[in-house]
Amino acid sequence: MARIVLADDGLAFDGKSAETGTAGGAETAFVKLAEGLAEYHDVLAFTRGGRALTHRGVEWRDLAAGLPESADLYVANRSHRLLDHVPKARRTLFWLHNDARYVLKYRYMSRLWRRKPELVFVSRSHAASAPRWVPDGGRHVIGLGVDDAFRGEAERAPPPPNALFAANPLRGLDELIRLWRLRVAPAIASARLDVRSGTALYGAREKPRTKAQMDAVLAAANAAAGSGVRLSPFVPRGELPGLLRAARVYLYPGDAGETFCLSVAEAQAMGVPCVVQARGALPERVDDGTTGFVARDEDSFAEAALRLLGDDALWRRQHRACLATKRARGWRDMAADFAALVP
């Protein structure tokens, strides 16, 4: 049994809080990796402000308590500061989640030159965002998984024309609200857009400018209530399957920095066709014309949304294609890919 240490220096969370709260994609992936590896190995997980507890086989600790000197495998999650820890690890992975161009700064590059960790990316487009001259000890692409709660759906009848957006408001929500008011709502009077979003999930309170941008987008969504838009707070992850089950389509413009998009992967696994823009890794999540549509511009995005909201035969074909092809990879599969790197 190997000793594995994982560390995250972002938001405060642990295995229990991620279950009951509204953890983001990177935090959810961190928890699921820890739990998956703990089925076979001794796993210690450190987070900023984390509680000291044991949950689902993982020993959770506060990062401030200090990390051990050695491990068989050390996974440093996102932060450059974490590369200074566990110096005697037999193998070190630096797990990136955001567009990798963020490492092109001295505070990252100096540590990468010194430590030479192996870089782990979450998609092909994500890996392409790191220039080849960035120092590393090797590179791997390990896609995320989806929870079992999203993977066991049976085929169902077409829902009413209800669309869902459940993500960071800066991932194209302003664009979506504009298209909904101008193109979708006038064409289908009964259509509804359920927006589940907010600021708390993304640490916006620590970034006043980001919070101000989010608040402006959320205010626009709230003002669109007369067009069938309903803005509500995020829900705990355990309630997401119910929301997706009631949705006919998941609408997600996204942005150029998309490296995986767990929310789209979960929707696809549940059998929900998605309409996305051709940005970042989104074309890797949606099979254009088969499990949804990958739009090239705003007009094609709106047209695809209208087709899926109004055409039952099209919806059934794409729903069945999602169920047949998009729910195979779970979190245990992701953890197994990491476990294959244990020395």
Protein backbone atom coordinates (compact mmCIF):
# COMPACT_ATOMS: atom_id res chain seq x y z
CA MET A 1 0.00 0.00 0.00
CA ALA A 2 1.51 3.29 -1.13
CA ARG A 3 1.43 6.54 0.80
CA ILE A 4 -0.20 9.31 -1.26
CA VAL A 5 -0.37 12.98 -0.30
CA LEU A 6 -2.72 15.45 -2.03
CA ALA A 7 -2.73 19.18 -1.35
CA ASP A 8 -4.94 22.10 -2.41
CA ASP A 9 -4.39 25.76 -1.50
CA GLY A 10 -7.64 27.25 -2.80
CA LEU A 11 -11.06 27.39 -1.17
CA ALA A 12 -11.69 25.85 2.24
CA PHE A 13 -13.29 22.41 1.87
CA ASP A 14 -12.95 18.75 2.84
CA GLY A 15 -14.64 15.47 1.97
CA LYS A 16 -17.71 16.13 4.09
CA SER A 17 -18.25 19.76 3.14
CA ALA A 18 -17.98 18.90 -0.55
CA GLU A 19 -20.83 16.40 -0.14
CA THR A 20 -23.23 18.77 1.59
CA GLY A 21 -22.21 22.05 -0.03
CA THR A 22 -21.82 23.34 -3.58
CA ALA A 23 -18.22 22.54 -4.40
CA GLY A 24 -16.84 23.64 -7.75
CA GLY A 25 -15.49 21.28 -10.38
CA ALA A 26 -11.84 21.40 -9.28
CA GLU A 27 -12.74 20.86 -5.63
CA THR A 28 -15.10 18.01 -6.51
CA ALA A 29 -12.40 16.35 -8.61
CA PHE A 30 -9.88 16.68 -5.76
CA VAL A 31 -12.27 14.99 -3.31
CA LYS A 32 -13.17 12.22 -5.74
CA LEU A 33 -9.52 11.54 -6.53
CA ALA A 34 -8.68 11.29 -2.84
CA GLU A 35 -11.57 8.91 -2.19
CA GLY A 36 -10.82 6.78 -5.24
CA LEU A 37 -7.15 6.38 -4.33
CA ALA A 38 -8.07 5.62 -0.71
CA GLU A 39 -9.73 2.39 -1.84
CA TYR A 40 -6.25 0.97 -2.45
CA HIS A 41 -3.73 3.26 -0.77
CA ASP A 42 -3.05 5.34 2.35
CA VAL A 43 -4.23 8.86 1.42
CA LEU A 44 -3.68 12.16 3.24
CA ALA A 45 -5.44 15.22 1.82
CA PHE A 46 -4.52 18.76 2.88
CA THR A 47 -6.67 21.84 2.19
CA ARG A 48 -6.52 25.44 3.34
CA GLY A 49 -8.64 25.77 6.44
CA GLY A 50 -9.59 22.10 6.28
CA ARG A 51 -10.79 20.13 9.28
CA ALA A 52 -8.91 17.22 10.80
CA LEU A 53 -11.15 14.24 10.11
CA THR A 54 -11.27 10.86 8.42
CA HIS A 55 -14.00 10.47 5.81
CA ARG A 56 -14.46 7.69 3.24
CA GLY A 57 -11.00 6.37 3.99
CA VAL A 58 -9.24 9.72 3.46
CA GLU A 59 -7.38 11.51 6.27
CA TRP A 60 -8.19 15.20 5.86
CA ARG A 61 -5.89 17.82 7.40
CA ASP A 62 -5.46 21.58 7.49
CA LEU A 63 -2.70 22.75 5.17
CA ALA A 64 -1.42 25.03 7.94
CA ALA A 65 -0.59 21.97 10.07
CA GLY A 66 2.24 21.16 7.68
CA LEU A 67 2.73 18.47 5.05
CA PRO A 68 4.99 15.42 5.47
CA GLU A 69 8.49 15.38 4.03
CA SER A 70 7.98 12.25 1.96
CA ALA A 71 5.38 10.20 0.09
CA ASP A 72 5.27 7.66 -2.68
CA LEU A 73 3.12 10.01 -4.76
CA TYR A 74 2.51 13.70 -4.15
CA VAL A 75 -0.27 15.51 -6.07
CA ALA A 76 -0.01 19.30 -5.84
CA ASN A 77 -3.28 20.85 -7.00
CA ARG A 78 -3.05 24.13 -8.97
CA SER A 79 -1.00 26.34 -6.62
CA HIS A 80 2.69 27.18 -7.17
CA ARG A 81 3.21 27.34 -3.40
CA LEU A 82 2.46 23.64 -3.08
CA LEU A 83 5.50 22.77 -5.18
CA ASP A 84 7.70 23.70 -2.20
CA HIS A 85 6.26 20.83 -0.12
CA VAL A 86 6.88 17.08 0.26
CA PRO A 87 10.43 17.42 -1.12
CA LYS A 88 11.24 13.71 -0.74
CA ALA A 89 8.25 12.40 -2.68
CA ARG A 90 9.20 9.59 -5.01
CA ARG A 91 6.97 11.06 -7.71
CA THR A 92 5.37 14.53 -7.92
CA LEU A 93 2.40 15.50 -10.06
CA PHE A 94 1.25 19.07 -10.62
CA TRP A 95 -2.48 18.91 -11.40
CA LEU A 96 -3.67 21.85 -13.48
CA HIS A 97 -7.34 22.75 -13.96
CA ASN A 98 -7.36 26.25 -15.46
CA ASP A 99 -5.91 27.40 -18.78
CA ALA A 100 -2.23 26.47 -18.39
CA ARG A 101 -0.99 29.86 -19.55
CA TYR A 102 -1.36 30.95 -15.93
CA VAL A 103 1.91 29.12 -15.15
CA LEU A 104 3.84 31.48 -17.45
CA LYS A 105 4.75 33.66 -14.49
CA TYR A 106 7.97 33.78 -12.52
CA ARG A 107 6.45 32.41 -9.32
CA TYR A 108 5.38 29.29 -11.23
CA MET A 109 8.25 28.96 -13.68
CA SER A 110 10.94 29.23 -11.01
CA ARG A 111 9.43 26.36 -9.06
CA LEU A 112 8.76 24.29 -12.17
CA TRP A 113 12.42 24.62 -13.19
CA ARG A 114 13.54 23.57 -9.74
CA ARG A 115 11.08 20.75 -9.08
CA LYS A 116 10.31 19.41 -12.58
CA PRO A 117 6.96 17.86 -11.60
CA GLU A 118 4.94 15.83 -14.06
CA LEU A 119 2.08 17.96 -15.38
CA VAL A 120 -1.46 16.56 -15.41
CA PHE A 121 -4.05 18.14 -17.73
CA VAL A 122 -7.77 17.39 -17.87
CA SER A 123 -8.32 17.50 -21.66
CA ARG A 124 -6.45 17.64 -24.96
CA SER A 125 -7.19 21.32 -25.47
CA HIS A 126 -6.06 21.98 -21.92
CA ALA A 127 -2.69 20.31 -22.60
CA ALA A 128 -2.30 22.40 -25.74
CA SER A 129 -2.50 25.58 -23.65
CA ALA A 130 0.91 24.84 -22.06
CA PRO A 131 3.82 25.65 -24.40
CA ARG A 132 6.25 22.80 -24.89
CA TRP A 133 9.07 24.84 -23.35
CA VAL A 134 7.35 24.90 -19.93
CA PRO A 135 9.65 22.77 -17.73
CA ASP A 136 8.24 19.46 -16.54
CA GLY A 137 9.10 15.87 -15.74
CA GLY A 138 6.52 14.51 -18.17
CA ARG A 139 2.96 15.25 -19.26
CA HIS A 140 -0.33 13.36 -18.89
CA VAL A 141 -3.92 13.99 -19.97
CA ILE A 142 -6.34 12.50 -17.43
CA GLY A 143 -9.97 13.42 -17.98
CA LEU A 144 -12.33 13.95 -15.08
CA GLY A 145 -15.19 11.57 -14.31
CA VAL A 146 -18.81 11.98 -13.27
CA ASP A 147 -20.48 10.74 -10.13
CA ASP A 148 -22.46 7.50 -10.21
CA ALA A 149 -25.60 9.49 -9.41
CA PHE A 150 -25.45 10.90 -12.97
CA ARG A 151 -24.69 7.62 -14.72
CA GLY A 152 -27.68 5.32 -14.15
CA GLU A 153 -30.52 7.09 -15.92
CA ALA A 154 -33.16 5.20 -17.87
CA GLU A 155 -34.57 6.52 -21.12
CA ARG A 156 -37.36 9.05 -20.52
CA ALA A 157 -40.00 10.97 -22.43
CA PRO A 158 -39.26 14.47 -23.73
CA PRO A 159 -39.68 17.03 -20.92
CA PRO A 160 -41.46 20.37 -21.39
CA PRO A 161 -39.38 23.15 -23.01
CA ASN A 162 -37.29 23.78 -19.89
CA ALA A 163 -33.63 24.78 -20.25
CA LEU A 164 -31.00 24.78 -17.50
CA PHE A 165 -27.83 26.76 -16.82
CA ALA A 166 -26.05 25.77 -13.60
CA ALA A 167 -22.55 27.24 -13.51
CA ASN A 168 -20.33 30.24 -12.90
CA PRO A 169 -22.22 33.34 -14.12
CA LEU A 170 -19.10 34.47 -16.00
CA ARG A 171 -19.24 31.37 -18.21
CA GLY A 172 -21.45 33.03 -20.78
CA LEU A 173 -24.60 33.67 -18.76
CA ASP A 174 -24.86 37.28 -19.98
CA GLU A 175 -24.72 36.06 -23.58
CA LEU A 176 -27.30 33.36 -22.86
CA ILE A 177 -29.74 35.79 -21.23
CA ARG A 178 -29.53 38.14 -24.21
CA LEU A 179 -30.16 35.33 -26.72
CA TRP A 180 -32.98 33.94 -24.61
CA ARG A 181 -34.79 37.28 -24.46
CA LEU A 182 -34.28 38.15 -28.14
CA ARG A 183 -34.57 34.75 -29.86
CA VAL A 184 -35.90 31.95 -27.68
CA ALA A 185 -38.65 33.45 -25.53
CA PRO A 186 -40.40 35.21 -28.47
CA ALA A 187 -40.42 31.95 -30.48
CA ILE A 188 -41.60 29.57 -27.71
CA ALA A 189 -43.81 31.35 -25.22
CA SER A 190 -43.91 28.38 -22.83
CA ALA A 191 -40.10 27.99 -22.68
CA ARG A 192 -38.45 28.41 -19.30
CA LEU A 193 -34.78 28.95 -18.41
CA ASP A 194 -33.75 27.81 -14.93
CA VAL A 195 -30.55 29.62 -13.91
CA ARG A 196 -28.78 28.16 -10.90
CA SER A 197 -25.83 30.42 -10.20
CA GLY A 198 -24.26 32.81 -7.71
CA THR A 199 -21.02 34.21 -6.33
CA ALA A 200 -20.29 32.17 -3.20
CA LEU A 201 -18.99 29.08 -4.96
CA TYR A 202 -16.05 30.77 -6.65
CA GLY A 203 -14.42 32.71 -3.84
CA ALA A 204 -15.70 35.96 -5.35
CA ARG A 205 -15.85 37.59 -1.93
CA GLU A 206 -12.06 37.59 -1.94
CA LYS A 207 -12.00 39.28 -5.37
CA PRO A 208 -14.17 42.43 -5.34
CA ARG A 209 -13.80 43.09 -9.07
CA THR A 210 -14.83 39.53 -9.95
CA LYS A 211 -17.78 39.72 -7.58
CA ALA A 212 -18.90 42.99 -9.17
CA GLN A 213 -18.79 41.37 -12.62
CA MET A 214 -20.78 38.37 -11.38
CA ASP A 215 -23.33 40.59 -9.64
CA ALA A 216 -23.92 42.54 -12.86
CA VAL A 217 -24.59 39.34 -14.84
CA LEU A 218 -26.86 37.94 -12.13
CA ALA A 219 -28.81 41.20 -12.02
CA ALA A 220 -29.44 40.91 -15.78
CA ALA A 221 -30.67 37.34 -15.27
CA ASN A 222 -33.00 38.48 -12.50
CA ALA A 223 -34.34 41.26 -14.71
CA ALA A 224 -35.27 38.72 -17.39
CA ALA A 225 -37.97 37.08 -15.26
CA GLY A 226 -40.64 38.35 -17.65
CA SER A 227 -39.04 36.28 -20.42
CA GLY A 228 -39.35 33.01 -18.56
CA VAL A 229 -35.99 33.20 -16.76
CA ARG A 230 -35.84 32.12 -13.12
CA LEU A 231 -32.68 32.87 -11.13
CA SER A 232 -32.06 30.70 -8.06
CA PRO A 233 -29.00 29.93 -5.92
CA PHE A 234 -26.79 26.92 -6.51
CA VAL A 235 -28.06 23.64 -5.12
CA PRO A 236 -26.04 20.93 -3.32
CA ARG A 237 -24.58 18.38 -5.70
CA GLY A 238 -27.02 15.75 -4.48
CA GLU A 239 -29.91 17.77 -5.94
CA LEU A 240 -28.37 18.27 -9.39
CA PRO A 241 -29.62 14.98 -10.88
CA GLY A 242 -33.20 16.03 -10.18
CA LEU A 243 -32.67 19.37 -11.92
CA LEU A 244 -31.08 17.72 -14.93
CA ARG A 245 -33.83 15.11 -15.12
CA ALA A 246 -36.40 17.90 -15.48
CA ALA A 247 -34.35 19.78 -18.10
CA ARG A 248 -34.89 19.29 -21.81
CA VAL A 249 -31.62 21.00 -22.76
CA TYR A 250 -28.54 22.34 -21.00
CA LEU A 251 -27.50 25.70 -22.46
CA TYR A 252 -23.91 26.71 -21.84
CA PRO A 253 -22.01 29.27 -23.95
CA GLY A 254 -18.84 28.87 -21.86
CA ASP A 255 -15.64 30.81 -22.50
CA ALA A 256 -12.27 30.32 -24.18
CA GLY A 257 -10.70 29.14 -20.91
CA GLU A 258 -12.85 26.00 -20.61
CA THR A 259 -10.52 23.11 -19.82
CA PHE A 260 -13.09 20.35 -19.16
CA CYS A 261 -16.54 21.59 -17.94
CA LEU A 262 -17.87 19.11 -15.42
CA SER A 263 -21.41 20.54 -15.56
CA VAL A 264 -21.71 19.71 -19.26
CA ALA A 265 -20.24 16.25 -18.69
CA GLU A 266 -22.82 15.59 -15.96
CA ALA A 267 -25.69 16.80 -18.14
CA GLN A 268 -24.57 14.58 -21.02
CA ALA A 269 -24.27 11.55 -18.71
CA MET A 270 -27.86 12.18 -17.55
CA GLY A 271 -29.09 12.10 -21.14
CA VAL A 272 -29.56 15.86 -21.49
CA PRO A 273 -28.56 17.27 -24.90
CA CYS A 274 -26.32 20.33 -24.55
CA VAL A 275 -25.88 23.41 -26.69
CA VAL A 276 -22.42 24.94 -26.24
CA GLN A 277 -20.14 27.32 -28.07
CA ALA A 278 -16.98 26.01 -29.74
CA ARG A 279 -14.77 27.25 -26.93
CA GLY A 280 -11.93 25.50 -25.12
CA ALA A 281 -12.67 21.86 -24.31
CA LEU A 282 -16.42 22.08 -24.93
CA PRO A 283 -16.18 20.37 -28.35
CA GLU A 284 -14.57 17.43 -26.49
CA ARG A 285 -17.64 17.13 -24.24
CA VAL A 286 -20.41 17.37 -26.85
CA ASP A 287 -20.61 15.39 -30.10
CA ASP A 288 -21.91 18.00 -32.51
CA GLY A 289 -25.24 16.98 -33.99
CA THR A 290 -25.36 13.74 -31.98
CA THR A 291 -25.45 14.53 -28.24
CA GLY A 292 -26.16 18.22 -28.67
CA PHE A 293 -24.76 21.03 -30.78
CA VAL A 294 -21.43 22.87 -30.82
CA ALA A 295 -22.32 26.33 -32.10
CA ARG A 296 -19.92 28.51 -34.06
CA ASP A 297 -21.73 31.79 -33.37
CA GLU A 298 -24.69 33.24 -31.48
CA ASP A 299 -27.16 32.66 -34.31
CA SER A 300 -26.40 28.94 -34.56
CA PHE A 301 -26.52 28.67 -30.74
CA ALA A 302 -30.02 30.16 -30.64
CA GLU A 303 -31.20 28.02 -33.57
CA ALA A 304 -29.92 24.83 -31.93
CA ALA A 305 -31.61 25.72 -28.64
CA LEU A 306 -34.92 26.30 -30.43
CA ARG A 307 -34.66 22.99 -32.31
CA LEU A 308 -34.07 20.96 -29.15
CA LEU A 309 -36.77 22.78 -27.21
CA GLY A 310 -39.37 22.20 -29.90
CA ASP A 311 -38.54 19.00 -31.81
CA ASP A 312 -39.41 15.82 -29.86
CA ALA A 313 -37.94 13.43 -32.45
CA LEU A 314 -34.60 15.27 -32.45
CA TRP A 315 -34.57 15.39 -28.67
CA ARG A 316 -35.20 11.62 -28.39
CA ARG A 317 -32.33 10.82 -30.78
CA GLN A 318 -29.87 12.99 -28.91
CA HIS A 319 -31.13 11.86 -25.51
CA ARG A 320 -30.55 8.21 -26.46
CA ALA A 321 -27.12 9.03 -27.89
CA CYS A 322 -26.11 10.73 -24.63
CA LEU A 323 -27.18 7.70 -22.58
CA ALA A 324 -25.36 5.35 -24.94
CA THR A 325 -22.03 7.18 -25.12
CA LYS A 326 -21.55 9.77 -22.38
CA ARG A 327 -21.83 7.97 -19.04
CA ALA A 328 -19.07 5.39 -19.23
CA ARG A 329 -16.35 7.30 -17.34
CA GLY A 330 -16.77 7.70 -13.59
CA TRP A 331 -14.56 9.06 -10.82
CA ARG A 332 -13.09 5.62 -10.14
CA ASP A 333 -11.83 5.55 -13.72
CA MET A 334 -10.07 8.87 -13.18
CA ALA A 335 -8.59 7.64 -9.89
CA ALA A 336 -7.38 4.46 -11.61
CA ASP A 337 -5.48 6.59 -14.16
CA PHE A 338 -3.74 8.42 -11.32
CA ALA A 339 -3.11 5.15 -9.44
CA ALA A 340 -1.26 3.86 -12.52
CA LEU A 341 1.33 6.59 -11.83
CA VAL A 342 2.09 5.43 -8.29
CA PRO A 343 5.75 4.31 -8.30
